[in-house]
Amino acid sequence: MNLTFESLQDGMEFSAHIDGTPCEGKLCMYDNHVFLCQDKKDGIDCRRDRRHGYQFSWIIKDPYKKTTTLDQALKIHGVTGFKILNKRKDRITDFYNQN
């Protein structure tokens, strides 16, 4: 599956390397911004109440900068190996399928 900004949702869990540092966390999406919230790399800050309990955030989409694709934005912001770990719907479905 090819990931796009449209396929992302606030709170999705991710793994990636930010400037070479391995990180895991959750996505924060608001006001057409997208942040990677995690505890390893300090970057452009999203609001503390939106970081899903993580210490830092790293921007990957800024509506004031022209980025047309998710791949392009990740490259510009030094993010490699970006993967979605769990989608909420899949997690709920898996839970109910086990019972």
Protein backbone atom coordinates (compact mmCIF):
# COMPACT_ATOMS: atom_id res chain seq x y z
CA MET A 1 0.00 0.00 0.00
CA ASN A 2 1.31 3.40 -0.99
CA LEU A 3 0.89 5.85 1.90
CA THR A 4 -0.44 9.35 1.26
CA PHE A 5 -1.28 12.23 3.57
CA GLU A 6 -4.96 11.41 2.97
CA SER A 7 -4.46 7.86 4.31
CA LEU A 8 -3.03 9.09 7.64
CA GLN A 9 -5.10 9.68 10.78
CA ASP A 10 -4.35 11.46 14.03
CA GLY A 11 -3.08 9.00 16.65
CA MET A 12 -1.78 6.34 14.24
CA GLU A 13 1.32 4.60 15.55
CA PHE A 14 4.48 4.82 13.43
CA SER A 15 8.12 3.85 13.30
CA ALA A 16 10.78 5.78 11.39
CA HIS A 17 14.31 7.12 11.47
CA ILE A 18 14.43 10.87 12.07
CA ASP A 19 17.82 12.22 11.02
CA GLY A 20 19.13 8.68 11.46
CA THR A 21 17.67 8.16 14.95
CA PRO A 22 15.19 5.27 15.26
CA CYS A 23 11.87 6.46 16.70
CA GLU A 24 8.40 5.15 17.45
CA GLY A 25 5.40 7.23 18.36
CA LYS A 26 2.08 8.58 17.14
CA LEU A 27 0.99 11.01 14.44
CA CYS A 28 -0.47 14.37 15.38
CA MET A 29 -2.62 16.02 12.75
CA TYR A 30 -4.32 19.41 13.06
CA ASP A 31 -4.75 22.62 11.04
CA ASN A 32 -3.31 20.86 7.96
CA HIS A 33 -0.03 20.14 9.83
CA VAL A 34 1.34 16.63 10.41
CA PHE A 35 3.80 15.87 13.23
CA LEU A 36 5.64 12.75 14.37
CA CYS A 37 5.27 12.68 18.16
CA GLN A 38 7.99 10.66 19.89
CA ASP A 39 10.59 10.80 22.67
CA LYS A 40 13.88 10.87 20.71
CA LYS A 41 14.21 13.93 18.41
CA ASP A 42 13.24 17.49 19.28
CA GLY A 43 11.98 19.45 16.30
CA ILE A 44 9.27 21.96 15.44
CA ASP A 45 6.87 21.75 18.33
CA CYS A 46 3.20 20.99 18.09
CA ARG A 47 1.08 21.95 21.06
CA ARG A 48 1.85 19.97 24.21
CA ASP A 49 -1.76 18.83 24.57
CA ARG A 50 -1.61 17.31 21.07
CA ARG A 51 1.57 15.21 21.46
CA HIS A 52 -0.26 12.06 22.63
CA GLY A 53 1.86 11.99 25.80
CA TYR A 54 5.22 12.14 24.00
CA GLN A 55 7.96 14.63 24.85
CA PHE A 56 8.87 15.82 21.32
CA SER A 57 7.34 16.34 17.89
CA TRP A 58 8.87 16.50 14.40
CA ILE A 59 6.99 18.20 11.59
CA ILE A 60 6.53 16.41 8.28
CA LYS A 61 3.79 18.58 6.75
CA ASP A 62 3.63 22.35 6.99
CA PRO A 63 0.81 23.96 4.97
CA TYR A 64 3.03 26.99 4.35
CA LYS A 65 5.67 24.93 2.53
CA LYS A 66 5.01 23.26 -0.80
CA THR A 67 5.17 19.48 -0.49
CA THR A 68 2.98 17.51 -2.83
CA THR A 69 3.46 13.95 -1.59
CA LEU A 70 4.15 12.20 1.69
CA ASP A 71 7.36 10.70 0.27
CA GLN A 72 8.60 14.15 -0.73
CA ALA A 73 7.78 15.62 2.69
CA LEU A 74 9.52 12.78 4.54
CA LYS A 75 12.66 13.24 2.45
CA ILE A 76 12.72 17.02 2.94
CA HIS A 77 12.39 16.62 6.73
CA GLY A 78 15.05 13.89 7.09
CA VAL A 79 12.67 11.00 7.80
CA THR A 80 13.43 7.53 6.41
CA GLY A 81 11.89 4.09 6.89
CA PHE A 82 8.48 5.55 7.78
CA LYS A 83 5.91 2.83 8.55
CA ILE A 84 2.47 2.77 10.10
CA LEU A 85 2.51 0.15 12.87
CA ASN A 86 -1.18 -0.15 13.76
CA LYS A 87 -4.27 1.33 12.28
CA ARG A 88 -7.01 1.79 14.85
CA LYS A 89 -9.59 -0.02 12.76
CA ASP A 90 -7.27 -3.02 12.28
CA ARG A 91 -6.52 -3.15 16.02
CA ILE A 92 -10.22 -3.16 16.90
CA THR A 93 -10.95 -5.81 14.24
CA ASP A 94 -8.07 -8.01 15.45
CA PHE A 95 -9.30 -7.75 19.05
CA TYR A 96 -12.82 -8.86 18.17
CA ASN A 97 -11.58 -11.62 15.87
CA GLN A 98 -9.61 -13.17 18.77
CA ASN A 99 -12.76 -13.56 20.93
